[in-house]
């Protein structure tokens, strides 16, 4: 291909019109249904695995950090003594949705390569479809978590703010997942780098430990502040505030989540516009 042809190809890729996302919901839902149907296809337990896997993970971390290392959980908002397994469940629920959506979005776009070679559709459609499928499982986990808190009597009006928290988390995750999925089509090493950073991110987020265990300063850096104001830390801590601690959370935390969500959406839209044209050529 000559330099002129390459330039024309890039121009076409950038200017090709894409319908607004609200007109693509049926397409996104079709991708989500495909992922939901194939998620546990052929397994004996079926959708029961959506609870078995997170509960097994929760049990392992609970034994390690509440029995072996004896991590003291914060007190519940109702005044009841804290339960580490419940406190941990909140963090794992938020993190699992984020990490699984990122991975599923990347693999979901790559998996539509054969279809993209035949027909054109927006690159974000399979990414968001994978997110919706993951969101169904996360809703099950969140519902189970809230039911346990309800049985324990740890209920407050702050639960009404959980949907607003969830919207911000979905917006933040969708923008980042779209950007990474599109860029991974052009640079396949990115998926491996994302897997490494997600592993590091899990331990850099206060999911299995409280912020009090993070040194205020280390290596000349405000380490605790860096951990506290990272995007996923804000979402994890705010969910715990709303449901476990029965507190609204700080206004700066809500502003921080909104800012991260807006920045992520802007990044996703920019990458999709610049590099998410006819990806069938790349796939």
C-alpha atoms as a PDB file:
ATOM      1  CA  UNK A   1       0.000   0.000   0.000  1.00  0.00           C
ATOM      2  CA  UNK A   2       1.403   3.393  -0.971  1.00  0.00           C
ATOM      3  CA  UNK A   3       1.725   6.339   1.365  1.00  0.00           C
ATOM      4  CA  UNK A   4      -1.235   8.037  -0.355  1.00  0.00           C
ATOM      5  CA  UNK A   5      -3.407   4.928   0.075  1.00  0.00           C
ATOM      6  CA  UNK A   6      -2.421   4.696   3.731  1.00  0.00           C
ATOM      7  CA  UNK A   7      -3.361   8.316   4.317  1.00  0.00           C
ATOM      8  CA  UNK A   8      -6.716   7.832   2.582  1.00  0.00           C
ATOM      9  CA  UNK A   9      -7.387   4.719   4.676  1.00  0.00           C
ATOM     10  CA  UNK A  10      -6.696   6.625   7.885  1.00  0.00           C
ATOM     11  CA  UNK A  11      -8.892   9.494   6.776  1.00  0.00           C
ATOM     12  CA  UNK A  12     -11.789   7.147   6.031  1.00  0.00           C
ATOM     13  CA  UNK A  13     -11.295   5.457   9.393  1.00  0.00           C
ATOM     14  CA  UNK A  14     -11.515   8.776  11.216  1.00  0.00           C
ATOM     15  CA  UNK A  15     -14.469  10.383   9.403  1.00  0.00           C
ATOM     16  CA  UNK A  16     -16.767   7.365   9.126  1.00  0.00           C
ATOM     17  CA  UNK A  17     -19.919   8.324  10.978  1.00  0.00           C
ATOM     18  CA  UNK A  18     -20.991   6.344  13.993  1.00  0.00           C
ATOM     19  CA  UNK A  19     -24.574   6.525  15.311  1.00  0.00           C
ATOM     20  CA  UNK A  20     -24.908   7.876  18.858  1.00  0.00           C
ATOM     21  CA  UNK A  21     -24.688   5.293  21.593  1.00  0.00           C
ATOM     22  CA  UNK A  22     -28.343   5.584  22.622  1.00  0.00           C
ATOM     23  CA  UNK A  23     -29.311   4.389  19.119  1.00  0.00           C
ATOM     24  CA  UNK A  24     -27.045   1.360  19.472  1.00  0.00           C
ATOM     25  CA  UNK A  25     -28.546  -0.115  22.632  1.00  0.00           C
ATOM     26  CA  UNK A  26     -30.133  -3.085  20.818  1.00  0.00           C
ATOM     27  CA  UNK A  27     -26.754  -3.972  19.336  1.00  0.00           C
ATOM     28  CA  UNK A  28     -25.042  -3.676  22.721  1.00  0.00           C
ATOM     29  CA  UNK A  29     -27.723  -5.839  24.324  1.00  0.00           C
ATOM     30  CA  UNK A  30     -27.325  -8.494  21.623  1.00  0.00           C
ATOM     31  CA  UNK A  31     -23.619  -8.717  22.390  1.00  0.00           C
ATOM     32  CA  UNK A  32     -24.445  -8.896  26.096  1.00  0.00           C
ATOM     33  CA  UNK A  33     -26.912 -11.744  25.525  1.00  0.00           C
ATOM     34  CA  UNK A  34     -24.309 -13.614  23.516  1.00  0.00           C
ATOM     35  CA  UNK A  35     -21.807 -13.314  26.356  1.00  0.00           C
ATOM     36  CA  UNK A  36     -24.398 -14.285  28.964  1.00  0.00           C
ATOM     37  CA  UNK A  37     -25.423 -17.401  27.041  1.00  0.00           C
ATOM     38  CA  UNK A  38     -21.837 -18.531  26.495  1.00  0.00           C
ATOM     39  CA  UNK A  39     -20.592 -17.647  29.989  1.00  0.00           C
ATOM     40  CA  UNK A  40     -21.554 -20.934  31.654  1.00  0.00           C
ATOM     41  CA  UNK A  41     -22.595 -22.946  28.615  1.00  0.00           C
ATOM     42  CA  UNK A  42     -22.013 -26.669  29.119  1.00  0.00           C
ATOM     43  CA  UNK A  43     -21.243 -26.395  32.845  1.00  0.00           C
ATOM     44  CA  UNK A  44     -23.141 -28.524  35.352  1.00  0.00           C
ATOM     45  CA  UNK A  45     -23.768 -25.717  37.844  1.00  0.00           C
ATOM     46  CA  UNK A  46     -24.549 -23.052  35.254  1.00  0.00           C
ATOM     47  CA  UNK A  47     -25.255 -19.651  36.789  1.00  0.00           C
ATOM     48  CA  UNK A  48     -24.481 -20.999  40.249  1.00  0.00           C
ATOM     49  CA  UNK A  49     -20.820 -20.412  39.329  1.00  0.00           C
ATOM     50  CA  UNK A  50     -21.537 -16.682  39.449  1.00  0.00           C
ATOM     51  CA  UNK A  51     -21.790 -17.104  43.230  1.00  0.00           C
ATOM     52  CA  UNK A  52     -19.442 -20.051  43.800  1.00  0.00           C
ATOM     53  CA  UNK A  53     -16.352 -18.334  42.395  1.00  0.00           C
ATOM     54  CA  UNK A  54     -16.641 -15.008  44.288  1.00  0.00           C
ATOM     55  CA  UNK A  55     -17.662 -16.769  47.505  1.00  0.00           C
ATOM     56  CA  UNK A  56     -14.669 -19.105  47.254  1.00  0.00           C
ATOM     57  CA  UNK A  57     -12.370 -16.129  46.711  1.00  0.00           C
ATOM     58  CA  UNK A  58     -13.986 -14.357  49.639  1.00  0.00           C
ATOM     59  CA  UNK A  59     -13.490 -17.402  51.877  1.00  0.00           C
ATOM     60  CA  UNK A  60      -9.788 -17.627  51.018  1.00  0.00           C
ATOM     61  CA  UNK A  61      -9.101 -13.957  51.751  1.00  0.00           C
ATOM     62  CA  UNK A  62     -11.168 -14.130  54.932  1.00  0.00           C
ATOM     63  CA  UNK A  63      -9.142 -17.064  56.292  1.00  0.00           C
ATOM     64  CA  UNK A  64      -5.830 -15.422  55.382  1.00  0.00           C
ATOM     65  CA  UNK A  65      -6.534 -11.911  56.636  1.00  0.00           C
ATOM     66  CA  UNK A  66      -8.966 -12.414  59.520  1.00  0.00           C
ATOM     67  CA  UNK A  67      -7.640 -15.699  60.914  1.00  0.00           C
ATOM     68  CA  UNK A  68      -3.943 -15.736  60.043  1.00  0.00           C
ATOM     69  CA  UNK A  69      -3.073 -12.018  59.935  1.00  0.00           C
ATOM     70  CA  UNK A  70      -6.091 -10.965  62.037  1.00  0.00           C
ATOM     71  CA  UNK A  71      -6.979  -7.789  60.163  1.00  0.00           C
ATOM     72  CA  UNK A  72      -9.412  -5.816  62.411  1.00  0.00           C
ATOM     73  CA  UNK A  73     -12.445  -4.610  60.412  1.00  0.00           C
ATOM     74  CA  UNK A  74     -14.041  -1.189  61.040  1.00  0.00           C
ATOM     75  CA  UNK A  75     -17.199  -0.955  63.123  1.00  0.00           C
ATOM     76  CA  UNK A  76     -20.485  -1.052  61.235  1.00  0.00           C
ATOM     77  CA  UNK A  77     -22.592   2.066  60.907  1.00  0.00           C
ATOM     78  CA  UNK A  78     -25.315   0.521  63.081  1.00  0.00           C
ATOM     79  CA  UNK A  79     -22.848   0.259  65.971  1.00  0.00           C
ATOM     80  CA  UNK A  80     -22.400  -3.483  65.594  1.00  0.00           C
ATOM     81  CA  UNK A  81     -18.905  -4.919  65.768  1.00  0.00           C
ATOM     82  CA  UNK A  82     -17.309  -5.116  62.361  1.00  0.00           C
ATOM     83  CA  UNK A  83     -17.224  -8.345  60.362  1.00  0.00           C
ATOM     84  CA  UNK A  84     -14.190  -8.669  58.127  1.00  0.00           C
ATOM     85  CA  UNK A  85     -15.898 -10.978  55.643  1.00  0.00           C
ATOM     86  CA  UNK A  86     -18.655  -8.413  54.986  1.00  0.00           C
ATOM     87  CA  UNK A  87     -16.243  -5.486  54.810  1.00  0.00           C
ATOM     88  CA  UNK A  88     -14.090  -7.447  52.361  1.00  0.00           C
ATOM     89  CA  UNK A  89     -17.084  -8.463  50.249  1.00  0.00           C
ATOM     90  CA  UNK A  90     -17.855  -4.804  49.497  1.00  0.00           C
ATOM     91  CA  UNK A  91     -14.363  -4.163  48.191  1.00  0.00           C
ATOM     92  CA  UNK A  92     -14.271  -7.348  46.117  1.00  0.00           C
ATOM     93  CA  UNK A  93     -17.655  -6.579  44.542  1.00  0.00           C
ATOM     94  CA  UNK A  94     -16.536  -3.173  43.256  1.00  0.00           C
ATOM     95  CA  UNK A  95     -13.112  -4.398  42.149  1.00  0.00           C
ATOM     96  CA  UNK A  96     -14.414  -7.522  40.395  1.00  0.00           C
ATOM     97  CA  UNK A  97     -16.805  -5.514  38.259  1.00  0.00           C
ATOM     98  CA  UNK A  98     -14.055  -3.099  37.232  1.00  0.00           C
ATOM     99  CA  UNK A  99     -11.314  -5.644  36.510  1.00  0.00           C
ATOM    100  CA  UNK A 100     -13.586  -8.206  34.852  1.00  0.00           C
ATOM    101  CA  UNK A 101     -15.179  -5.546  32.645  1.00  0.00           C
ATOM    102  CA  UNK A 102     -11.787  -4.329  31.451  1.00  0.00           C
ATOM    103  CA  UNK A 103     -10.633  -7.861  30.580  1.00  0.00           C
ATOM    104  CA  UNK A 104     -13.974  -8.844  29.062  1.00  0.00           C
ATOM    105  CA  UNK A 105     -14.107  -5.676  26.961  1.00  0.00           C
ATOM    106  CA  UNK A 106     -10.644  -6.289  25.506  1.00  0.00           C
ATOM    107  CA  UNK A 107     -11.337  -9.939  24.672  1.00  0.00           C
ATOM    108  CA  UNK A 108     -14.869  -9.132  23.512  1.00  0.00           C
ATOM    109  CA  UNK A 109     -13.686  -6.740  20.800  1.00  0.00           C
ATOM    110  CA  UNK A 110     -10.955  -9.113  19.639  1.00  0.00           C
ATOM    111  CA  UNK A 111     -13.511 -11.933  19.479  1.00  0.00           C
ATOM    112  CA  UNK A 112     -15.679 -10.019  16.991  1.00  0.00           C
ATOM    113  CA  UNK A 113     -12.904  -9.887  14.389  1.00  0.00           C
ATOM    114  CA  UNK A 114     -14.613 -12.241  11.937  1.00  0.00           C
ATOM    115  CA  UNK A 115     -17.893 -10.339  12.235  1.00  0.00           C
ATOM    116  CA  UNK A 116     -16.235  -6.937  11.816  1.00  0.00           C
ATOM    117  CA  UNK A 117     -14.699  -8.097   8.547  1.00  0.00           C
ATOM    118  CA  UNK A 118     -18.216  -8.614   7.153  1.00  0.00           C
ATOM    119  CA  UNK A 119     -20.246  -5.721   8.568  1.00  0.00           C
ATOM    120  CA  UNK A 120     -19.453  -2.420  10.250  1.00  0.00           C
ATOM    121  CA  UNK A 121     -20.564  -1.657  13.786  1.00  0.00           C
ATOM    122  CA  UNK A 122     -19.131   0.658  16.455  1.00  0.00           C
ATOM    123  CA  UNK A 123     -16.150  -0.787  18.294  1.00  0.00           C
ATOM    124  CA  UNK A 124     -17.687   0.139  21.636  1.00  0.00           C
ATOM    125  CA  UNK A 125     -20.697  -2.175  21.078  1.00  0.00           C
ATOM    126  CA  UNK A 126     -19.013  -5.504  21.954  1.00  0.00           C
ATOM    127  CA  UNK A 127     -17.049  -3.779  24.730  1.00  0.00           C
ATOM    128  CA  UNK A 128     -20.172  -2.411  26.393  1.00  0.00           C
ATOM    129  CA  UNK A 129     -21.975  -5.685  25.750  1.00  0.00           C
ATOM    130  CA  UNK A 130     -19.279  -7.532  27.684  1.00  0.00           C
ATOM    131  CA  UNK A 131     -19.647  -4.952  30.458  1.00  0.00           C
ATOM    132  CA  UNK A 132     -23.409  -5.487  30.643  1.00  0.00           C
ATOM    133  CA  UNK A 133     -22.889  -9.247  30.915  1.00  0.00           C
ATOM    134  CA  UNK A 134     -20.386  -8.726  33.722  1.00  0.00           C
ATOM    135  CA  UNK A 135     -22.724  -6.221  35.347  1.00  0.00           C
ATOM    136  CA  UNK A 136     -25.430  -8.887  35.680  1.00  0.00           C
ATOM    137  CA  UNK A 137     -23.090 -11.037  37.770  1.00  0.00           C
ATOM    138  CA  UNK A 138     -21.940  -8.020  39.791  1.00  0.00           C
ATOM    139  CA  UNK A 139     -25.567  -7.137  40.543  1.00  0.00           C
ATOM    140  CA  UNK A 140     -26.053 -10.633  41.939  1.00  0.00           C
ATOM    141  CA  UNK A 141     -23.004 -10.192  44.175  1.00  0.00           C
ATOM    142  CA  UNK A 142     -24.092  -6.706  45.272  1.00  0.00           C
ATOM    143  CA  UNK A 143     -27.601  -7.981  46.021  1.00  0.00           C
ATOM    144  CA  UNK A 144     -26.204 -10.810  48.144  1.00  0.00           C
ATOM    145  CA  UNK A 145     -23.970  -8.355  50.010  1.00  0.00           C
ATOM    146  CA  UNK A 146     -26.867  -5.996  50.749  1.00  0.00           C
ATOM    147  CA  UNK A 147     -29.103  -8.881  51.854  1.00  0.00           C
ATOM    148  CA  UNK A 148     -26.504  -9.941  54.423  1.00  0.00           C
ATOM    149  CA  UNK A 149     -26.273  -6.373  55.738  1.00  0.00           C
ATOM    150  CA  UNK A 150     -30.068  -6.235  55.910  1.00  0.00           C
ATOM    151  CA  UNK A 151     -30.188  -9.428  57.958  1.00  0.00           C
ATOM    152  CA  UNK A 152     -27.591  -7.938  60.303  1.00  0.00           C
ATOM    153  CA  UNK A 153     -29.712  -4.806  60.709  1.00  0.00           C
ATOM    154  CA  UNK A 154     -27.101  -2.534  59.137  1.00  0.00           C
ATOM    155  CA  UNK A 155     -29.535  -0.497  57.045  1.00  0.00           C
ATOM    156  CA  UNK A 156     -29.636   3.256  56.458  1.00  0.00           C
ATOM    157  CA  UNK A 157     -30.919   5.911  54.086  1.00  0.00           C
ATOM    158  CA  UNK A 158     -27.451   6.157  52.539  1.00  0.00           C
ATOM    159  CA  UNK A 159     -28.287   2.985  50.589  1.00  0.00           C
ATOM    160  CA  UNK A 160     -30.402   5.232  48.344  1.00  0.00           C
ATOM    161  CA  UNK A 161     -27.184   6.740  47.000  1.00  0.00           C
ATOM    162  CA  UNK A 162     -25.815   3.396  45.807  1.00  0.00           C
ATOM    163  CA  UNK A 163     -27.420   3.722  42.314  1.00  0.00           C
ATOM    164  CA  UNK A 164     -25.660   7.076  41.825  1.00  0.00           C
ATOM    165  CA  UNK A 165     -22.388   5.470  42.893  1.00  0.00           C
ATOM    166  CA  UNK A 166     -23.008   2.619  40.462  1.00  0.00           C
ATOM    167  CA  UNK A 167     -23.644   5.006  37.549  1.00  0.00           C
ATOM    168  CA  UNK A 168     -20.315   6.755  38.145  1.00  0.00           C
ATOM    169  CA  UNK A 169     -18.490   3.410  38.342  1.00  0.00           C
ATOM    170  CA  UNK A 170     -20.097   2.197  35.109  1.00  0.00           C
ATOM    171  CA  UNK A 171     -19.220   5.432  33.297  1.00  0.00           C
ATOM    172  CA  UNK A 172     -15.619   5.317  34.508  1.00  0.00           C
ATOM    173  CA  UNK A 173     -15.204   1.655  33.569  1.00  0.00           C
ATOM    174  CA  UNK A 174     -16.890   1.943  30.163  1.00  0.00           C
ATOM    175  CA  UNK A 175     -14.652   4.788  29.008  1.00  0.00           C
ATOM    176  CA  UNK A 176     -11.466   3.067  30.117  1.00  0.00           C
ATOM    177  CA  UNK A 177     -12.539  -0.332  28.765  1.00  0.00           C
ATOM    178  CA  UNK A 178     -13.374   1.152  25.360  1.00  0.00           C
ATOM    179  CA  UNK A 179     -10.055   2.985  25.097  1.00  0.00           C
ATOM    180  CA  UNK A 180      -8.009  -0.060  26.105  1.00  0.00           C
ATOM    181  CA  UNK A 181      -9.969  -2.449  23.867  1.00  0.00           C
ATOM    182  CA  UNK A 182      -9.504  -0.249  20.790  1.00  0.00           C
ATOM    183  CA  UNK A 183      -5.810   0.375  21.456  1.00  0.00           C
ATOM    184  CA  UNK A 184      -5.244  -3.340  22.044  1.00  0.00           C
ATOM    185  CA  UNK A 185      -6.414  -4.056  18.490  1.00  0.00           C
ATOM    186  CA  UNK A 186      -3.492  -1.992  17.213  1.00  0.00           C
ATOM    187  CA  UNK A 187      -0.979  -3.114  19.874  1.00  0.00           C
ATOM    188  CA  UNK A 188      -1.699  -6.654  21.085  1.00  0.00           C
ATOM    189  CA  UNK A 189       0.901  -6.444  23.870  1.00  0.00           C
ATOM    190  CA  UNK A 190      -1.413  -4.042  25.677  1.00  0.00           C
ATOM    191  CA  UNK A 191      -3.688  -6.856  26.922  1.00  0.00           C
ATOM    192  CA  UNK A 192      -0.752  -8.471  28.725  1.00  0.00           C
ATOM    193  CA  UNK A 193       0.303  -5.141  30.240  1.00  0.00           C
ATOM    194  CA  UNK A 194      -3.263  -4.526  31.422  1.00  0.00           C
ATOM    195  CA  UNK A 195      -3.316  -7.932  33.146  1.00  0.00           C
ATOM    196  CA  UNK A 196      -0.112  -7.042  35.011  1.00  0.00           C
ATOM    197  CA  UNK A 197      -1.361  -3.601  36.022  1.00  0.00           C
ATOM    198  CA  UNK A 198      -4.666  -5.036  37.243  1.00  0.00           C
ATOM    199  CA  UNK A 199      -2.766  -7.436  39.501  1.00  0.00           C
ATOM    200  CA  UNK A 200      -0.721  -4.558  40.874  1.00  0.00           C
ATOM    201  CA  UNK A 201      -3.837  -2.406  41.132  1.00  0.00           C
ATOM    202  CA  UNK A 202      -5.601  -4.971  43.311  1.00  0.00           C
ATOM    203  CA  UNK A 203      -2.916  -4.771  45.982  1.00  0.00           C
ATOM    204  CA  UNK A 204      -2.527  -1.012  45.537  1.00  0.00           C
ATOM    205  CA  UNK A 205      -6.218  -0.584  46.385  1.00  0.00           C
ATOM    206  CA  UNK A 206      -7.488  -0.868  49.993  1.00  0.00           C
ATOM    207  CA  UNK A 207      -9.554  -3.995  49.388  1.00  0.00           C
ATOM    208  CA  UNK A 208      -7.927  -6.472  51.781  1.00  0.00           C
ATOM    209  CA  UNK A 209      -6.532  -3.819  54.133  1.00  0.00           C
ATOM    210  CA  UNK A 210      -7.597  -0.466  55.519  1.00  0.00           C
ATOM    211  CA  UNK A 211      -5.973   2.835  54.571  1.00  0.00           C
ATOM    212  CA  UNK A 212      -4.520   3.077  58.089  1.00  0.00           C
ATOM    213  CA  UNK A 213      -2.036   0.370  57.146  1.00  0.00           C
ATOM    214  CA  UNK A 214      -0.586   2.475  54.320  1.00  0.00           C
ATOM    215  CA  UNK A 215       2.350   4.683  55.398  1.00  0.00           C
ATOM    216  CA  UNK A 216       1.625   8.393  55.093  1.00  0.00           C
ATOM    217  CA  UNK A 217       4.948   8.875  53.298  1.00  0.00           C
ATOM    218  CA  UNK A 218       7.443   6.504  51.696  1.00  0.00           C
ATOM    219  CA  UNK A 219      10.381   7.204  49.351  1.00  0.00           C
ATOM    220  CA  UNK A 220       9.550  10.902  49.593  1.00  0.00           C
ATOM    221  CA  UNK A 221       6.059  10.338  48.184  1.00  0.00           C
ATOM    222  CA  UNK A 222       2.663  10.922  49.866  1.00  0.00           C
ATOM    223  CA  UNK A 223       1.904   7.212  49.568  1.00  0.00           C
ATOM    224  CA  UNK A 224      -1.340   7.147  51.556  1.00  0.00           C
ATOM    225  CA  UNK A 225      -2.792  10.091  49.646  1.00  0.00           C
ATOM    226  CA  UNK A 226      -1.839   8.465  46.327  1.00  0.00           C
ATOM    227  CA  UNK A 227      -3.641   5.249  47.305  1.00  0.00           C
ATOM    228  CA  UNK A 228      -6.630   7.070  48.779  1.00  0.00           C
ATOM    229  CA  UNK A 229      -7.253   9.239  45.709  1.00  0.00           C
ATOM    230  CA  UNK A 230      -6.708   6.607  43.064  1.00  0.00           C
ATOM    231  CA  UNK A 231      -9.972   6.090  41.138  1.00  0.00           C
ATOM    232  CA  UNK A 232     -10.792   2.544  42.252  1.00  0.00           C
ATOM    233  CA  UNK A 233      -9.942   3.354  45.871  1.00  0.00           C
ATOM    234  CA  UNK A 234     -12.516   6.143  45.764  1.00  0.00           C
ATOM    235  CA  UNK A 235     -15.190   3.803  44.432  1.00  0.00           C
ATOM    236  CA  UNK A 236     -14.358   1.012  46.897  1.00  0.00           C
ATOM    237  CA  UNK A 237     -14.262   3.291  49.942  1.00  0.00           C
ATOM    238  CA  UNK A 238     -17.440   5.144  48.955  1.00  0.00           C
ATOM    239  CA  UNK A 239     -19.390   1.894  48.552  1.00  0.00           C
ATOM    240  CA  UNK A 240     -18.254   0.858  52.007  1.00  0.00           C
ATOM    241  CA  UNK A 241     -19.222   4.252  53.420  1.00  0.00           C
ATOM    242  CA  UNK A 242     -22.719   4.056  51.935  1.00  0.00           C
ATOM    243  CA  UNK A 243     -23.544   0.465  52.833  1.00  0.00           C
ATOM    244  CA  UNK A 244     -21.229  -0.698  55.610  1.00  0.00           C
ATOM    245  CA  UNK A 245     -20.519   2.525  57.502  1.00  0.00           C
ATOM    246  CA  UNK A 246     -23.894   4.135  56.672  1.00  0.00           C
ATOM    247  CA  UNK A 247     -22.198   7.416  55.820  1.00  0.00           C
ATOM    248  CA  UNK A 248     -22.554   9.629  52.758  1.00  0.00           C
ATOM    249  CA  UNK A 249     -18.824   9.910  52.251  1.00  0.00           C
ATOM    250  CA  UNK A 250     -16.906  13.107  51.706  1.00  0.00           C
ATOM    251  CA  UNK A 251     -17.927  15.603  49.067  1.00  0.00           C
ATOM    252  CA  UNK A 252     -14.412  15.558  47.676  1.00  0.00           C
ATOM    253  CA  UNK A 253     -14.672  11.794  47.172  1.00  0.00           C
ATOM    254  CA  UNK A 254     -17.873  12.220  45.142  1.00  0.00           C
ATOM    255  CA  UNK A 255     -16.293  15.025  43.127  1.00  0.00           C
ATOM    256  CA  UNK A 256     -13.253  12.835  42.601  1.00  0.00           C
ATOM    257  CA  UNK A 257     -15.367   9.950  41.276  1.00  0.00           C
ATOM    258  CA  UNK A 258     -17.262  12.301  38.966  1.00  0.00           C
ATOM    259  CA  UNK A 259     -14.004  13.785  37.677  1.00  0.00           C
ATOM    260  CA  UNK A 260     -12.471  10.354  37.026  1.00  0.00           C
ATOM    261  CA  UNK A 261     -15.663   9.237  35.246  1.00  0.00           C
ATOM    262  CA  UNK A 262     -15.686  12.352  33.035  1.00  0.00           C
ATOM    263  CA  UNK A 263     -11.990  11.980  32.208  1.00  0.00           C
ATOM    264  CA  UNK A 264     -12.437   8.292  31.388  1.00  0.00           C
ATOM    265  CA  UNK A 265     -15.394   8.977  29.093  1.00  0.00           C
ATOM    266  CA  UNK A 266     -13.448  11.720  27.322  1.00  0.00           C
ATOM    267  CA  UNK A 267     -10.514   9.365  26.827  1.00  0.00           C
ATOM    268  CA  UNK A 268     -12.734   6.564  25.544  1.00  0.00           C
ATOM    269  CA  UNK A 269     -14.536   8.893  23.114  1.00  0.00           C
ATOM    270  CA  UNK A 270     -11.260  10.355  21.813  1.00  0.00           C
ATOM    271  CA  UNK A 271      -9.605   6.967  21.279  1.00  0.00           C
ATOM    272  CA  UNK A 272     -12.738   5.554  19.641  1.00  0.00           C
ATOM    273  CA  UNK A 273     -12.978   8.540  17.307  1.00  0.00           C
ATOM    274  CA  UNK A 274      -9.298   8.479  16.347  1.00  0.00           C
ATOM    275  CA  UNK A 275      -8.515   4.760  16.266  1.00  0.00           C
ATOM    276  CA  UNK A 276     -11.835   2.909  16.424  1.00  0.00           C
ATOM    277  CA  UNK A 277     -12.963   3.181  12.816  1.00  0.00           C
ATOM    278  CA  UNK A 278     -12.989   0.126  10.540  1.00  0.00           C
ATOM    279  CA  UNK A 279     -11.115  -2.219  12.841  1.00  0.00           C
ATOM    280  CA  UNK A 280     -11.929  -5.166  10.596  1.00  0.00           C
ATOM    281  CA  UNK A 281      -8.768  -4.324   8.683  1.00  0.00           C
ATOM    282  CA  UNK A 282      -6.682  -4.695  11.848  1.00  0.00           C
ATOM    283  CA  UNK A 283      -8.427  -7.802  13.152  1.00  0.00           C
END
